[in-house]
Structure formats: structure tokens, C-alpha cells
Amino acid sequence: MKRLFVVVPLLVLSALVSYPALAQNSPANEANQKEATAPIEITPSEVNWGPPPVGLTRGTPAVVNPVPLRFAVLEGDPLKPGAPFTIELGCADGNKVAPHWHPTDENIVVLRGTFAIATGDVFDPSATHDLAAGSYAFMPEGMHHFAFCKGDTVLLIFGIGPFHINWIEPPKPAPSSTLPSSSQP
């Protein structure tokens, strides 16, 4: 009877340890491994900067920058639904990122410079807080936010697509109340 208490747990443990190894060698798993992409390694000098993909932005930003933002796709397709992506965004000192939102979660890592960020619908630099190089930020889907760059700044942004930048239109000024002028003969 004592042997049974020793043998049964050993058999169960043996089955648990060997099952993952068997699953790893299954034909279905081998097919999935063949479909997996190759590793990606990109050094800073190899980043291919260019314009953002057509369809990434929607609407008109409330602020205009004299120097355009730099954009690079490192991995995946940010516009593809359900697919992971990794991009880099670069901006010059003083560049502003107008109020906007995304339909999916946004993960931001500051690689270089300082990224001053805040939530809200109206660009207000006094509301921002600084994220220095090495910092991380998470913006949940639909969160309205804006930012500006201090120094030459590079961000790593990753998530699951589709990733769109939906600009928030600036509030329209209220119509002024003017009285019609009276005409006298």
C-alpha cells in the first residue's frame, strides 16, 4: 500500500512533465512554428523613418508643427485589426501632439528626450507632466490626450491594431452677438 502512495504521484508527475514536451512536438504546433515570423533586430541607425501610413490619422489636428513628426514601423501593421504592432515616433524640440484619441490601447515608452503628456480635449501645456527617457505611459482606448516634446524625442509605441490617431477638432468660438446696424437716410 505504501508503494502505491509513492508510485502514483510519480506517474502523475511524470505525465505532467512529459505532456508539454509532447505538445511542443505535435504536428499542429510544428505548423504554427513554421508560420511564425523571424526574429526582428533593428539598431537605431537602421530605423526607416518616413511618413505615417495612409489612413493612420483622421481629422485635422488643432495645432500645426513647423517640423513634421517622424514615423517608423518596426514590426507589424498598425492598421491591421487584431494584429500586434510596434512603431517609433520622433519629434523635434517643441513639437506638439494635438488632442487626439485611439480606438485601441496605446503603450508608450520614451526612448530619448522628454515627452510632456496630459489628458483632455484642449491643448494646455500647463496641464502636462514630464516623462523622461526610460518612462512608460499607458493610454486606454478612447482616452483623449495631448503632448509636446522637450528636446529631440523618440517614442516607442506598441499595441494591437487597428491604431488610428483621431484628432479632436478644436472648439468652435461662440458666435458673437452683434446687433444689426441701423441705416438712417
C-alpha atoms as a PDB file:
ATOM      1  CA  MET A   1       0.000   0.000   0.000  1.00  0.00           C
ATOM      2  CA  LYS A   2       2.842   2.400   0.816  1.00  0.00           C
ATOM      3  CA  ARG A   3       4.365   1.708  -2.588  1.00  0.00           C
ATOM      4  CA  LEU A   4       1.121   2.801  -4.239  1.00  0.00           C
ATOM      5  CA  PHE A   5       1.354   6.178  -2.487  1.00  0.00           C
ATOM      6  CA  VAL A   6       4.856   6.638  -3.909  1.00  0.00           C
ATOM      7  CA  VAL A   7       4.301   5.215  -7.427  1.00  0.00           C
ATOM      8  CA  VAL A   8       1.019   7.011  -8.279  1.00  0.00           C
ATOM      9  CA  PRO A   9       2.330  10.526  -7.537  1.00  0.00           C
ATOM     10  CA  LEU A  10       5.474   9.732  -9.540  1.00  0.00           C
ATOM     11  CA  LEU A  11       3.364   8.587 -12.511  1.00  0.00           C
ATOM     12  CA  VAL A  12       1.218  11.714 -12.326  1.00  0.00           C
ATOM     13  CA  LEU A  13       4.291  13.944 -12.063  1.00  0.00           C
ATOM     14  CA  SER A  14       5.917  12.126 -14.996  1.00  0.00           C
ATOM     15  CA  ALA A  15       2.794  12.622 -17.124  1.00  0.00           C
ATOM     16  CA  LEU A  16       2.602  16.328 -16.261  1.00  0.00           C
ATOM     17  CA  VAL A  17       6.260  16.880 -17.076  1.00  0.00           C
ATOM     18  CA  SER A  18       6.205  14.965 -20.376  1.00  0.00           C
ATOM     19  CA  TYR A  19       2.858  16.326 -21.691  1.00  0.00           C
ATOM     20  CA  PRO A  20       4.163  19.812 -22.551  1.00  0.00           C
ATOM     21  CA  ALA A  21       7.118  18.239 -24.360  1.00  0.00           C
ATOM     22  CA  LEU A  22       4.743  16.060 -26.385  1.00  0.00           C
ATOM     23  CA  ALA A  23       2.507  19.051 -27.150  1.00  0.00           C
ATOM     24  CA  GLN A  24       5.504  21.045 -28.373  1.00  0.00           C
ATOM     25  CA  ASN A  25       6.277  18.358 -30.934  1.00  0.00           C
ATOM     26  CA  SER A  26       2.706  17.915 -32.155  1.00  0.00           C
ATOM     27  CA  PRO A  27       2.101  18.415 -35.910  1.00  0.00           C
ATOM     28  CA  ALA A  28      -0.245  21.348 -35.210  1.00  0.00           C
ATOM     29  CA  ASN A  29       2.394  23.145 -33.118  1.00  0.00           C
ATOM     30  CA  GLU A  30       5.087  22.493 -35.748  1.00  0.00           C
ATOM     31  CA  ALA A  31       2.829  24.111 -38.376  1.00  0.00           C
ATOM     32  CA  ASN A  32       2.344  27.144 -36.129  1.00  0.00           C
ATOM     33  CA  GLN A  33       6.105  27.421 -35.619  1.00  0.00           C
ATOM     34  CA  LYS A  34       6.639  27.410 -39.398  1.00  0.00           C
ATOM     35  CA  GLU A  35       4.148  30.296 -39.757  1.00  0.00           C
ATOM     36  CA  ALA A  36       5.871  32.380 -37.058  1.00  0.00           C
ATOM     37  CA  THR A  37       7.925  35.313 -38.268  1.00  0.00           C
ATOM     38  CA  ALA A  38      11.664  35.517 -37.941  1.00  0.00           C
ATOM     39  CA  PRO A  39      13.213  37.488 -35.088  1.00  0.00           C
ATOM     40  CA  ILE A  40      13.486  41.216 -35.687  1.00  0.00           C
ATOM     41  CA  GLU A  41      16.584  43.176 -34.713  1.00  0.00           C
ATOM     42  CA  ILE A  42      16.850  46.864 -35.584  1.00  0.00           C
ATOM     43  CA  THR A  43      19.601  49.206 -34.455  1.00  0.00           C
ATOM     44  CA  PRO A  44      18.911  52.957 -34.183  1.00  0.00           C
ATOM     45  CA  SER A  45      20.799  53.628 -37.423  1.00  0.00           C
ATOM     46  CA  GLU A  46      18.610  51.079 -39.239  1.00  0.00           C
ATOM     47  CA  VAL A  47      15.259  52.675 -38.327  1.00  0.00           C
ATOM     48  CA  ASN A  48      13.487  53.530 -41.580  1.00  0.00           C
ATOM     49  CA  TRP A  49      11.854  56.910 -40.909  1.00  0.00           C
ATOM     50  CA  GLY A  50       9.120  58.125 -43.208  1.00  0.00           C
ATOM     51  CA  PRO A  51       5.597  59.451 -43.348  1.00  0.00           C
ATOM     52  CA  PRO A  52       2.846  57.657 -41.420  1.00  0.00           C
ATOM     53  CA  PRO A  53       0.823  55.082 -43.358  1.00  0.00           C
ATOM     54  CA  VAL A  54      -2.130  56.458 -45.299  1.00  0.00           C
ATOM     55  CA  GLY A  55      -5.228  56.169 -43.123  1.00  0.00           C
ATOM     56  CA  LEU A  56      -3.376  56.387 -39.789  1.00  0.00           C
ATOM     57  CA  THR A  57      -4.699  59.865 -38.963  1.00  0.00           C
ATOM     58  CA  ARG A  58      -8.294  61.006 -39.095  1.00  0.00           C
ATOM     59  CA  GLY A  59      -9.475  64.600 -38.956  1.00  0.00           C
ATOM     60  CA  THR A  60      -7.432  67.773 -38.642  1.00  0.00           C
ATOM     61  CA  PRO A  61      -5.077  68.422 -35.721  1.00  0.00           C
ATOM     62  CA  ALA A  62      -5.749  71.518 -33.638  1.00  0.00           C
ATOM     63  CA  VAL A  63      -2.055  72.512 -33.745  1.00  0.00           C
ATOM     64  CA  VAL A  64       0.406  72.634 -36.615  1.00  0.00           C
ATOM     65  CA  ASN A  65       4.120  71.918 -36.199  1.00  0.00           C
ATOM     66  CA  PRO A  66       6.813  73.596 -38.278  1.00  0.00           C
ATOM     67  CA  VAL A  67       8.772  70.315 -38.273  1.00  0.00           C
ATOM     68  CA  PRO A  68       6.739  67.182 -39.089  1.00  0.00           C
ATOM     69  CA  LEU A  69       6.740  64.199 -36.760  1.00  0.00           C
ATOM     70  CA  ARG A  70       8.962  61.279 -37.799  1.00  0.00           C
ATOM     71  CA  PHE A  71       7.363  57.845 -38.086  1.00  0.00           C
ATOM     72  CA  ALA A  72       8.744  54.297 -38.460  1.00  0.00           C
ATOM     73  CA  VAL A  73       7.051  50.895 -38.426  1.00  0.00           C
ATOM     74  CA  LEU A  74       9.355  48.458 -36.624  1.00  0.00           C
ATOM     75  CA  GLU A  75       7.059  45.437 -36.576  1.00  0.00           C
ATOM     76  CA  GLY A  76       3.587  44.505 -37.758  1.00  0.00           C
ATOM     77  CA  ASP A  77       0.934  46.706 -39.332  1.00  0.00           C
ATOM     78  CA  PRO A  78      -0.604  49.341 -37.051  1.00  0.00           C
ATOM     79  CA  LEU A  79      -3.743  49.484 -39.230  1.00  0.00           C
ATOM     80  CA  LYS A  80      -4.460  45.733 -39.212  1.00  0.00           C
ATOM     81  CA  PRO A  81      -7.251  44.760 -36.783  1.00  0.00           C
ATOM     82  CA  GLY A  82      -6.191  42.304 -34.085  1.00  0.00           C
ATOM     83  CA  ALA A  83      -2.520  42.346 -35.084  1.00  0.00           C
ATOM     84  CA  PRO A  84       0.339  43.466 -32.831  1.00  0.00           C
ATOM     85  CA  PHE A  85       2.461  46.391 -33.975  1.00  0.00           C
ATOM     86  CA  THR A  86       5.483  48.382 -32.820  1.00  0.00           C
ATOM     87  CA  ILE A  87       6.264  51.846 -34.152  1.00  0.00           C
ATOM     88  CA  GLU A  88       8.670  54.665 -33.359  1.00  0.00           C
ATOM     89  CA  LEU A  89       7.582  58.272 -33.353  1.00  0.00           C
ATOM     90  CA  GLY A  90      10.144  61.055 -33.348  1.00  0.00           C
ATOM     91  CA  CYS A  91       9.595  64.739 -32.740  1.00  0.00           C
ATOM     92  CA  ALA A  92      11.730  67.854 -32.577  1.00  0.00           C
ATOM     93  CA  ASP A  93      12.030  70.097 -29.536  1.00  0.00           C
ATOM     94  CA  GLY A  94       8.761  71.971 -29.032  1.00  0.00           C
ATOM     95  CA  ASN A  95       6.693  69.818 -31.399  1.00  0.00           C
ATOM     96  CA  LYS A  96       3.120  69.471 -30.229  1.00  0.00           C
ATOM     97  CA  VAL A  97       0.868  66.442 -30.440  1.00  0.00           C
ATOM     98  CA  ALA A  98      -2.642  67.863 -30.690  1.00  0.00           C
ATOM     99  CA  PRO A  99      -5.507  66.413 -28.627  1.00  0.00           C
ATOM    100  CA  HIS A 100      -6.500  63.027 -30.010  1.00  0.00           C
ATOM    101  CA  TRP A 101      -7.648  59.519 -29.117  1.00  0.00           C
ATOM    102  CA  HIS A 102      -7.138  55.944 -30.350  1.00  0.00           C
ATOM    103  CA  PRO A 103      -9.666  53.108 -30.827  1.00  0.00           C
ATOM    104  CA  THR A 104      -7.279  50.681 -29.077  1.00  0.00           C
ATOM    105  CA  ASP A 105      -4.950  50.835 -26.081  1.00  0.00           C
ATOM    106  CA  GLU A 106      -1.656  52.682 -26.573  1.00  0.00           C
ATOM    107  CA  ASN A 107       1.593  51.758 -24.812  1.00  0.00           C
ATOM    108  CA  ILE A 108       4.304  54.439 -24.884  1.00  0.00           C
ATOM    109  CA  VAL A 109       7.980  54.117 -23.907  1.00  0.00           C
ATOM    110  CA  VAL A 110      10.158  57.230 -24.033  1.00  0.00           C
ATOM    111  CA  LEU A 111      13.470  56.217 -25.613  1.00  0.00           C
ATOM    112  CA  ARG A 112      15.076  59.664 -25.851  1.00  0.00           C
ATOM    113  CA  GLY A 113      14.191  63.200 -24.777  1.00  0.00           C
ATOM    114  CA  THR A 114      11.236  64.185 -22.634  1.00  0.00           C
ATOM    115  CA  PHE A 115       7.575  63.696 -23.522  1.00  0.00           C
ATOM    116  CA  ALA A 116       5.206  66.054 -21.693  1.00  0.00           C
ATOM    117  CA  ILE A 117       1.728  64.462 -21.713  1.00  0.00           C
ATOM    118  CA  ALA A 118      -1.745  65.120 -20.301  1.00  0.00           C
ATOM    119  CA  THR A 119      -5.349  64.068 -20.804  1.00  0.00           C
ATOM    120  CA  GLY A 120      -8.060  66.327 -22.133  1.00  0.00           C
ATOM    121  CA  ASP A 121      -9.647  67.833 -25.236  1.00  0.00           C
ATOM    122  CA  VAL A 122      -7.803  71.177 -25.361  1.00  0.00           C
ATOM    123  CA  PHE A 123      -4.041  71.579 -25.732  1.00  0.00           C
ATOM    124  CA  ASP A 124      -2.814  73.052 -22.441  1.00  0.00           C
ATOM    125  CA  PRO A 125       0.951  72.783 -21.798  1.00  0.00           C
ATOM    126  CA  SER A 126       0.479  73.718 -18.119  1.00  0.00           C
ATOM    127  CA  ALA A 127      -1.548  70.513 -17.582  1.00  0.00           C
ATOM    128  CA  THR A 128       1.218  68.172 -18.767  1.00  0.00           C
ATOM    129  CA  HIS A 129       3.703  66.177 -16.739  1.00  0.00           C
ATOM    130  CA  ASP A 130       7.127  65.160 -17.992  1.00  0.00           C
ATOM    131  CA  LEU A 131       8.064  61.615 -18.918  1.00  0.00           C
ATOM    132  CA  ALA A 132      11.864  61.406 -19.184  1.00  0.00           C
ATOM    133  CA  ALA A 133      13.759  58.776 -21.184  1.00  0.00           C
ATOM    134  CA  GLY A 134      13.009  55.342 -19.784  1.00  0.00           C
ATOM    135  CA  SER A 135       9.452  56.262 -18.757  1.00  0.00           C
ATOM    136  CA  TYR A 136       6.312  54.319 -19.700  1.00  0.00           C
ATOM    137  CA  ALA A 137       2.752  55.524 -20.239  1.00  0.00           C
ATOM    138  CA  PHE A 138      -0.476  53.669 -20.988  1.00  0.00           C
ATOM    139  CA  MET A 139      -3.448  55.362 -22.627  1.00  0.00           C
ATOM    140  CA  PRO A 140      -6.584  53.216 -22.647  1.00  0.00           C
ATOM    141  CA  GLU A 141      -8.689  53.120 -25.782  1.00  0.00           C
ATOM    142  CA  GLY A 142     -10.761  56.263 -26.267  1.00  0.00           C
ATOM    143  CA  MET A 143      -8.753  58.365 -23.764  1.00  0.00           C
ATOM    144  CA  HIS A 144      -8.368  61.934 -25.038  1.00  0.00           C
ATOM    145  CA  HIS A 145      -4.785  63.137 -24.604  1.00  0.00           C
ATOM    146  CA  PHE A 146      -2.159  65.537 -25.961  1.00  0.00           C
ATOM    147  CA  ALA A 147       1.552  66.137 -25.539  1.00  0.00           C
ATOM    148  CA  PHE A 148       4.643  68.022 -26.600  1.00  0.00           C
ATOM    149  CA  CYS A 149       8.299  67.148 -26.970  1.00  0.00           C
ATOM    150  CA  LYS A 150      11.163  68.629 -24.972  1.00  0.00           C
ATOM    151  CA  GLY A 151      14.392  68.118 -26.866  1.00  0.00           C
ATOM    152  CA  ASP A 152      14.742  65.677 -29.745  1.00  0.00           C
ATOM    153  CA  THR A 153      12.359  62.967 -28.544  1.00  0.00           C
ATOM    154  CA  VAL A 154      11.835  59.386 -29.713  1.00  0.00           C
ATOM    155  CA  LEU A 155       8.940  57.227 -28.536  1.00  0.00           C
ATOM    156  CA  LEU A 156       8.342  53.501 -28.888  1.00  0.00           C
ATOM    157  CA  ILE A 157       4.610  52.855 -29.270  1.00  0.00           C
ATOM    158  CA  PHE A 158       3.119  49.374 -29.318  1.00  0.00           C
ATOM    159  CA  GLY A 159      -0.248  47.679 -29.078  1.00  0.00           C
ATOM    160  CA  ILE A 160      -2.845  45.737 -31.022  1.00  0.00           C
ATOM    161  CA  GLY A 161      -4.307  47.266 -34.193  1.00  0.00           C
ATOM    162  CA  PRO A 162      -6.083  48.980 -35.626  1.00  0.00           C
ATOM    163  CA  PHE A 163      -4.158  52.000 -34.381  1.00  0.00           C
ATOM    164  CA  HIS A 164      -5.598  55.276 -35.623  1.00  0.00           C
ATOM    165  CA  ILE A 165      -4.957  58.822 -34.470  1.00  0.00           C
ATOM    166  CA  ASN A 166      -8.336  60.536 -34.270  1.00  0.00           C
ATOM    167  CA  TRP A 167      -7.734  64.281 -33.944  1.00  0.00           C
ATOM    168  CA  ILE A 168     -10.132  66.182 -31.714  1.00  0.00           C
ATOM    169  CA  GLU A 169     -11.401  69.243 -33.512  1.00  0.00           C
ATOM    170  CA  PRO A 170     -10.774  72.471 -31.628  1.00  0.00           C
ATOM    171  CA  PRO A 171     -13.871  74.011 -30.063  1.00  0.00           C
ATOM    172  CA  LYS A 172     -15.539  76.497 -32.338  1.00  0.00           C
ATOM    173  CA  PRO A 173     -15.847  80.024 -30.944  1.00  0.00           C
ATOM    174  CA  ALA A 174     -19.340  81.053 -29.948  1.00  0.00           C
ATOM    175  CA  PRO A 175     -20.946  83.355 -32.467  1.00  0.00           C
ATOM    176  CA  SER A 176     -20.661  86.968 -31.429  1.00  0.00           C
ATOM    177  CA  SER A 177     -23.869  88.746 -30.716  1.00  0.00           C
ATOM    178  CA  THR A 178     -23.912  91.776 -32.918  1.00  0.00           C
ATOM    179  CA  LEU A 179     -26.887  93.953 -33.392  1.00  0.00           C
ATOM    180  CA  PRO A 180     -27.799  94.835 -36.908  1.00  0.00           C
ATOM    181  CA  SER A 181     -26.701  98.337 -37.764  1.00  0.00           C
ATOM    182  CA  SER A 182     -29.490 100.764 -38.300  1.00  0.00           C
ATOM    183  CA  SER A 183     -29.452 102.601 -41.522  1.00  0.00           C
ATOM    184  CA  GLN A 184     -30.503 106.182 -41.476  1.00  0.00           C
ATOM    185  CA  PRO A 185     -31.449 108.091 -44.620  1.00  0.00           C
END
